């Protein structure tokens, strides 16, 4: 009887430790997902702003630090993103490739999201 109780408690403690491990990794995954979502939104916003301009004014823009503040668990958190625009004129005075890139630091890892589109001369 005592042996069964000890084995049962051992299995229960292993299960509890595994559940707590899942909670920790899911929190990290949620933070990564939030960062990717914010970066993708900044990329799209940057591309839409450039697509609304007239053809000659679509030019490369150096990286711009862009802090984004959001609330997590009731606490305001600010994450630093770097937004840049790279323009390559593929066909002179006819078509430009426009790439929007957002970079951010996540721990020791440099992350990035890049979207691209084309702007044409009418």
Protein backbone atom coordinates (compact mmCIF):
# COMPACT_ATOMS: atom_id res chain seq x y z
CA UNK A 1 0.00 0.00 0.00
CA UNK A 2 2.77 2.44 0.94
CA UNK A 3 4.66 1.61 -2.24
CA UNK A 4 1.58 2.38 -4.34
CA UNK A 5 1.17 5.77 -2.64
CA UNK A 6 4.84 6.66 -3.22
CA UNK A 7 4.65 5.65 -6.89
CA UNK A 8 1.37 7.58 -7.29
CA UNK A 9 2.87 10.71 -5.72
CA UNK A 10 5.93 10.38 -7.95
CA UNK A 11 3.80 10.16 -11.09
CA UNK A 12 1.66 13.08 -9.94
CA UNK A 13 4.72 15.28 -9.28
CA UNK A 14 6.18 14.45 -12.71
CA UNK A 15 2.85 15.37 -14.34
CA UNK A 16 2.70 18.68 -12.43
CA UNK A 17 6.27 19.56 -13.46
CA UNK A 18 5.44 18.84 -17.10
CA UNK A 19 2.35 21.06 -16.95
CA UNK A 20 4.37 23.94 -15.48
CA UNK A 21 6.94 23.48 -18.27
CA UNK A 22 4.19 23.75 -20.86
CA UNK A 23 2.93 26.99 -19.29
CA UNK A 24 6.41 28.53 -19.40
CA UNK A 25 7.00 27.61 -23.03
CA UNK A 26 3.51 28.75 -24.08
CA UNK A 27 4.16 32.17 -22.53
CA UNK A 28 7.37 32.50 -24.54
CA UNK A 29 5.59 31.36 -27.71
CA UNK A 30 2.86 33.96 -27.12
CA UNK A 31 5.48 36.70 -26.76
CA UNK A 32 7.19 35.63 -30.00
CA UNK A 33 3.86 35.53 -31.80
CA UNK A 34 2.99 39.03 -30.57
CA UNK A 35 6.36 40.35 -31.81
CA UNK A 36 5.92 38.78 -35.25
CA UNK A 37 2.38 40.16 -35.50
CA UNK A 38 3.49 43.67 -34.57
CA UNK A 39 6.43 43.50 -37.00
CA UNK A 40 4.21 42.28 -39.85
CA UNK A 41 1.75 45.10 -39.16
CA UNK A 42 4.58 47.67 -39.25
CA UNK A 43 5.83 46.18 -42.55
CA UNK A 44 2.41 46.34 -44.18
CA UNK A 45 1.83 49.86 -42.93
CA UNK A 46 5.18 50.95 -44.37
CA UNK A 47 4.46 49.37 -47.78
CA UNK A 48 0.97 50.88 -47.96
CA UNK A 49 2.35 54.33 -47.15
CA UNK A 50 4.90 54.01 -49.97
CA UNK A 51 2.36 52.62 -52.46
CA UNK A 52 0.20 55.71 -51.87
CA UNK A 53 3.03 58.03 -52.94
CA UNK A 54 3.70 59.10 -56.50
CA UNK A 55 6.38 57.13 -58.35
CA UNK A 56 9.37 59.52 -58.09
CA UNK A 57 9.00 59.96 -54.32
CA UNK A 58 9.34 56.23 -53.55
CA UNK A 59 12.95 56.03 -52.37
CA UNK A 60 15.08 54.03 -49.93
CA UNK A 61 14.70 55.10 -46.29
CA UNK A 62 17.35 54.39 -43.65
CA UNK A 63 16.31 52.31 -40.61
CA UNK A 64 14.03 54.24 -38.25
CA UNK A 65 13.77 53.16 -34.59
CA UNK A 66 10.09 52.56 -33.85
CA UNK A 67 9.05 51.80 -30.28
CA UNK A 68 5.69 50.05 -29.87
CA UNK A 69 3.95 50.05 -26.48
CA UNK A 70 1.35 47.44 -25.58
CA UNK A 71 -0.18 46.07 -22.40
CA UNK A 72 0.56 42.56 -21.17
CA UNK A 73 -0.94 41.31 -17.89
CA UNK A 74 -1.86 44.88 -16.99
CA UNK A 75 1.70 46.13 -17.43
CA UNK A 76 2.76 48.48 -20.25
CA UNK A 77 5.61 47.00 -22.29
CA UNK A 78 7.61 48.83 -24.94
CA UNK A 79 9.35 46.87 -27.68
CA UNK A 80 11.90 48.47 -30.00
CA UNK A 81 11.59 47.78 -33.71
CA UNK A 82 13.71 49.15 -36.55
CA UNK A 83 11.75 49.85 -39.75
CA UNK A 84 13.55 50.34 -43.06
CA UNK A 85 12.53 50.66 -46.68
CA UNK A 86 14.68 49.36 -49.54
CA UNK A 87 13.85 50.45 -53.10
CA UNK A 88 15.42 48.93 -56.20
CA UNK A 89 14.50 50.37 -59.59
CA UNK A 90 14.25 47.29 -61.80
CA UNK A 91 13.10 48.96 -65.01
CA UNK A 92 14.17 52.61 -65.37
CA UNK A 93 11.23 54.97 -64.86
CA UNK A 94 8.75 52.08 -65.05
CA UNK A 95 8.96 49.68 -62.10
CA UNK A 96 10.48 49.67 -58.61
CA UNK A 97 10.74 46.78 -56.21
CA UNK A 98 9.92 48.02 -52.70
CA UNK A 99 10.93 45.95 -49.67
CA UNK A 100 9.89 46.83 -46.16
CA UNK A 101 11.98 45.23 -43.43
CA UNK A 102 11.36 45.30 -39.68
CA UNK A 103 14.11 44.16 -37.30
CA UNK A 104 13.98 43.60 -33.56
CA UNK A 105 16.00 41.95 -30.83
CA UNK A 106 14.47 39.00 -28.99
CA UNK A 107 16.86 37.98 -26.23
CA UNK A 108 20.16 37.29 -27.98
CA UNK A 109 18.52 36.63 -31.36
CA UNK A 110 18.06 39.24 -34.10
CA UNK A 111 14.64 38.69 -35.73
CA UNK A 112 13.24 40.22 -38.92
CA UNK A 113 10.15 40.31 -41.10
CA UNK A 114 10.32 41.42 -44.71
CA UNK A 115 7.52 42.10 -47.18
CA UNK A 116 7.87 43.29 -50.76
CA UNK A 117 5.76 44.78 -53.49
CA UNK A 118 6.19 46.63 -56.79
CA UNK A 119 5.39 50.22 -57.64
CA UNK A 120 4.88 51.11 -61.30
CA UNK A 121 4.90 54.39 -63.20
CA UNK A 122 1.59 55.25 -64.86
